Amino acid sequence: MYIEELHYINVGPIGRADIILLDKIDAKPKPIIFVGKNGSGKSILLSNIVDCFYEIARKKYNNVVQYRDDG
């Protein structure tokens, strides 16, 4: 399973972001590197991607536990 596109509007510090991750021509995933200043939304993007996969897995499997390190 691959994420093809990400579209963000007003999420945290991100005003608008349209990110194409999968090339439609050869349909092969490419490595993506998010670069930006502190507080620009890189961690929010990655956190949302991880949360998305947890939600997908939770629908298919009944033993998915999301690990949180609060300390």
N, C-alpha and C. Protein backbone atom coordinates (compact mmCIF):
# COMPACT_ATOMS: atom_id res chain seq x y z
N MET A 1 0.84 -1.16 0.00
CA MET A 1 0.00 0.00 0.00
C MET A 1 0.89 1.24 0.00
N TYR A 2 0.55 2.19 -0.83
CA TYR A 2 1.32 3.42 -0.93
C TYR A 2 0.40 4.63 -0.79
N ILE A 3 0.94 5.66 -0.23
CA ILE A 3 0.24 6.94 -0.20
C ILE A 3 0.58 7.64 -1.51
N GLU A 4 -0.42 8.02 -2.25
CA GLU A 4 -0.18 8.66 -3.54
C GLU A 4 -0.06 10.17 -3.41
N GLU A 5 -0.95 10.79 -2.64
CA GLU A 5 -0.96 12.24 -2.52
C GLU A 5 -1.34 12.65 -1.11
N LEU A 6 -0.85 13.81 -0.69
CA LEU A 6 -1.24 14.43 0.58
C LEU A 6 -1.72 15.84 0.27
N HIS A 7 -2.84 16.22 0.85
CA HIS A 7 -3.38 17.56 0.66
C HIS A 7 -3.73 18.12 2.03
N TYR A 8 -3.09 19.22 2.39
CA TYR A 8 -3.32 19.86 3.68
C TYR A 8 -3.77 21.30 3.47
N ILE A 9 -4.76 21.71 4.23
CA ILE A 9 -5.19 23.11 4.25
C ILE A 9 -5.40 23.50 5.71
N ASN A 10 -4.62 24.47 6.17
CA ASN A 10 -4.72 25.00 7.53
C ASN A 10 -4.63 23.93 8.61
N VAL A 11 -3.56 23.16 8.58
CA VAL A 11 -3.28 22.16 9.61
C VAL A 11 -2.04 22.61 10.35
N GLY A 12 -2.20 23.01 11.62
CA GLY A 12 -1.08 23.55 12.39
C GLY A 12 -0.49 24.74 11.65
N PRO A 13 0.83 24.77 11.50
CA PRO A 13 1.47 25.90 10.81
C PRO A 13 1.40 25.81 9.28
N ILE A 14 0.84 24.73 8.76
CA ILE A 14 0.79 24.52 7.31
C ILE A 14 -0.44 25.23 6.75
N GLY A 15 -0.22 26.25 5.95
CA GLY A 15 -1.34 26.95 5.31
C GLY A 15 -1.96 26.10 4.22
N ARG A 16 -1.13 25.63 3.32
CA ARG A 16 -1.58 24.75 2.24
C ARG A 16 -0.39 23.94 1.75
N ALA A 17 -0.60 22.64 1.55
CA ALA A 17 0.44 21.76 1.02
C ALA A 17 -0.22 20.70 0.16
N ASP A 18 0.21 20.58 -1.08
CA ASP A 18 -0.23 19.51 -1.98
C ASP A 18 1.03 18.74 -2.37
N ILE A 19 1.15 17.52 -1.88
CA ILE A 19 2.36 16.73 -2.06
C ILE A 19 2.03 15.47 -2.85
N ILE A 20 2.70 15.27 -3.98
CA ILE A 20 2.51 14.08 -4.81
C ILE A 20 3.66 13.13 -4.47
N LEU A 21 3.32 11.95 -3.94
CA LEU A 21 4.34 11.00 -3.51
C LEU A 21 4.57 9.86 -4.50
N LEU A 22 3.58 9.57 -5.32
CA LEU A 22 3.69 8.45 -6.24
C LEU A 22 3.60 8.97 -7.67
N ASP A 23 4.63 8.71 -8.44
CA ASP A 23 4.67 9.16 -9.84
C ASP A 23 3.66 8.35 -10.65
N LYS A 24 2.78 9.03 -11.35
CA LYS A 24 1.75 8.35 -12.13
C LYS A 24 2.30 7.63 -13.35
N ILE A 25 3.48 8.02 -13.81
CA ILE A 25 4.05 7.42 -15.02
C ILE A 25 4.56 6.01 -14.76
N ASP A 26 5.45 5.86 -13.79
CA ASP A 26 5.98 4.52 -13.54
C ASP A 26 5.42 3.88 -12.27
N ALA A 27 4.59 4.62 -11.52
CA ALA A 27 3.91 4.11 -10.32
C ALA A 27 4.87 3.49 -9.31
N LYS A 28 6.07 4.03 -9.24
CA LYS A 28 7.03 3.55 -8.25
C LYS A 28 7.23 4.62 -7.19
N PRO A 29 7.21 4.23 -5.92
CA PRO A 29 7.41 5.23 -4.87
C PRO A 29 8.84 5.74 -4.86
N LYS A 30 9.00 7.00 -4.54
CA LYS A 30 10.32 7.63 -4.45
C LYS A 30 10.55 8.08 -3.01
N PRO A 31 11.80 8.08 -2.58
CA PRO A 31 12.07 8.60 -1.23
C PRO A 31 11.71 10.08 -1.16
N ILE A 32 11.13 10.48 -0.05
CA ILE A 32 10.74 11.87 0.16
C ILE A 32 11.44 12.37 1.41
N ILE A 33 12.00 13.57 1.34
CA ILE A 33 12.64 14.21 2.49
C ILE A 33 11.93 15.52 2.75
N PHE A 34 11.37 15.67 3.94
CA PHE A 34 10.73 16.93 4.32
C PHE A 34 11.77 17.81 5.01
N VAL A 35 11.99 19.00 4.49
CA VAL A 35 12.98 19.92 5.02
C VAL A 35 12.29 21.24 5.32
N GLY A 36 12.60 21.82 6.46
CA GLY A 36 12.03 23.12 6.81
C GLY A 36 12.53 23.58 8.16
N LYS A 37 12.20 24.81 8.48
CA LYS A 37 12.60 25.38 9.77
C LYS A 37 11.83 24.71 10.90
N ASN A 38 12.34 24.88 12.12
CA ASN A 38 11.62 24.40 13.29
C ASN A 38 10.23 25.04 13.33
N GLY A 39 9.24 24.23 13.62
CA GLY A 39 7.89 24.74 13.73
C GLY A 39 7.17 24.93 12.41
N SER A 40 7.72 24.38 11.32
CA SER A 40 7.10 24.58 10.00
C SER A 40 6.09 23.49 9.65
N GLY A 41 5.99 22.41 10.44
CA GLY A 41 4.98 21.39 10.21
C GLY A 41 5.48 20.04 9.76
N LYS A 42 6.79 19.82 9.74
CA LYS A 42 7.34 18.52 9.29
C LYS A 42 6.84 17.38 10.17
N SER A 43 6.91 17.56 11.46
CA SER A 43 6.49 16.50 12.39
C SER A 43 4.99 16.27 12.33
N ILE A 44 4.22 17.31 12.10
CA ILE A 44 2.77 17.16 11.96
C ILE A 44 2.46 16.29 10.75
N LEU A 45 3.12 16.54 9.63
CA LEU A 45 2.92 15.72 8.43
C LEU A 45 3.21 14.25 8.72
N LEU A 46 4.36 13.98 9.31
CA LEU A 46 4.75 12.59 9.59
C LEU A 46 3.82 11.94 10.61
N SER A 47 3.42 12.69 11.61
CA SER A 47 2.50 12.17 12.62
C SER A 47 1.15 11.81 11.99
N ASN A 48 0.66 12.65 11.10
CA ASN A 48 -0.61 12.36 10.43
C ASN A 48 -0.51 11.13 9.54
N ILE A 49 0.62 10.94 8.89
CA ILE A 49 0.82 9.75 8.05
C ILE A 49 0.80 8.49 8.91
N VAL A 50 1.51 8.51 10.03
CA VAL A 50 1.55 7.36 10.93
C VAL A 50 0.15 7.08 11.49
N ASP A 51 -0.56 8.12 11.91
CA ASP A 51 -1.92 7.95 12.43
C ASP A 51 -2.84 7.34 11.39
N CYS A 52 -2.66 7.73 10.14
CA CYS A 52 -3.47 7.18 9.05
C CYS A 52 -3.26 5.67 8.93
N PHE A 53 -2.03 5.23 8.99
CA PHE A 53 -1.75 3.80 8.89
C PHE A 53 -2.29 3.03 10.09
N TYR A 54 -2.24 3.64 11.28
CA TYR A 54 -2.85 3.00 12.45
C TYR A 54 -4.34 2.82 12.26
N GLU A 55 -5.01 3.81 11.73
CA GLU A 55 -6.46 3.72 11.51
C GLU A 55 -6.80 2.65 10.47
N ILE A 56 -6.00 2.57 9.42
CA ILE A 56 -6.23 1.55 8.40
C ILE A 56 -6.03 0.16 9.02
N ALA A 57 -4.96 -0.01 9.79
CA ALA A 57 -4.68 -1.31 10.42
C ALA A 57 -5.76 -1.67 11.44
N ARG A 58 -6.27 -0.68 12.16
CA ARG A 58 -7.28 -0.92 13.18
C ARG A 58 -8.57 -1.48 12.57
N LYS A 59 -8.88 -1.07 11.34
CA LYS A 59 -10.08 -1.57 10.67
C LYS A 59 -9.93 -3.03 10.26
N LYS A 60 -8.70 -3.45 10.00
CA LYS A 60 -8.47 -4.81 9.52
C LYS A 60 -8.14 -5.78 10.65
N TYR A 61 -7.40 -5.30 11.64
CA TYR A 61 -6.95 -6.17 12.73
C TYR A 61 -7.54 -5.69 14.05
N ASN A 62 -7.83 -6.63 14.95
CA ASN A 62 -8.43 -6.25 16.23
C ASN A 62 -7.42 -6.12 17.36
N ASN A 63 -6.14 -6.30 17.10
CA ASN A 63 -5.13 -6.25 18.15
C ASN A 63 -4.09 -5.13 17.94
N VAL A 64 -4.46 -4.08 17.21
CA VAL A 64 -3.54 -2.98 16.94
C VAL A 64 -3.53 -2.04 18.15
N VAL A 65 -2.34 -1.79 18.68
CA VAL A 65 -2.18 -0.89 19.82
C VAL A 65 -1.21 0.21 19.41
N GLN A 66 -1.61 1.44 19.61
CA GLN A 66 -0.74 2.57 19.28
C GLN A 66 0.11 2.88 20.50
N TYR A 67 1.43 2.86 20.31
CA TYR A 67 2.37 3.11 21.40
C TYR A 67 2.59 4.59 21.56
N ARG A 68 2.51 5.07 22.80
CA ARG A 68 2.80 6.47 23.10
C ARG A 68 3.78 6.53 24.24
N ASP A 69 4.83 7.29 24.05
CA ASP A 69 5.84 7.49 25.09
C ASP A 69 5.62 8.88 25.68
N ASP A 70 4.98 8.95 26.83
CA ASP A 70 4.65 10.23 27.45
C ASP A 70 5.76 10.72 28.38
N GLY A 71 6.85 10.07 28.40
CA GLY A 71 7.88 10.49 29.35
C GLY A 71 9.17 10.53 28.73
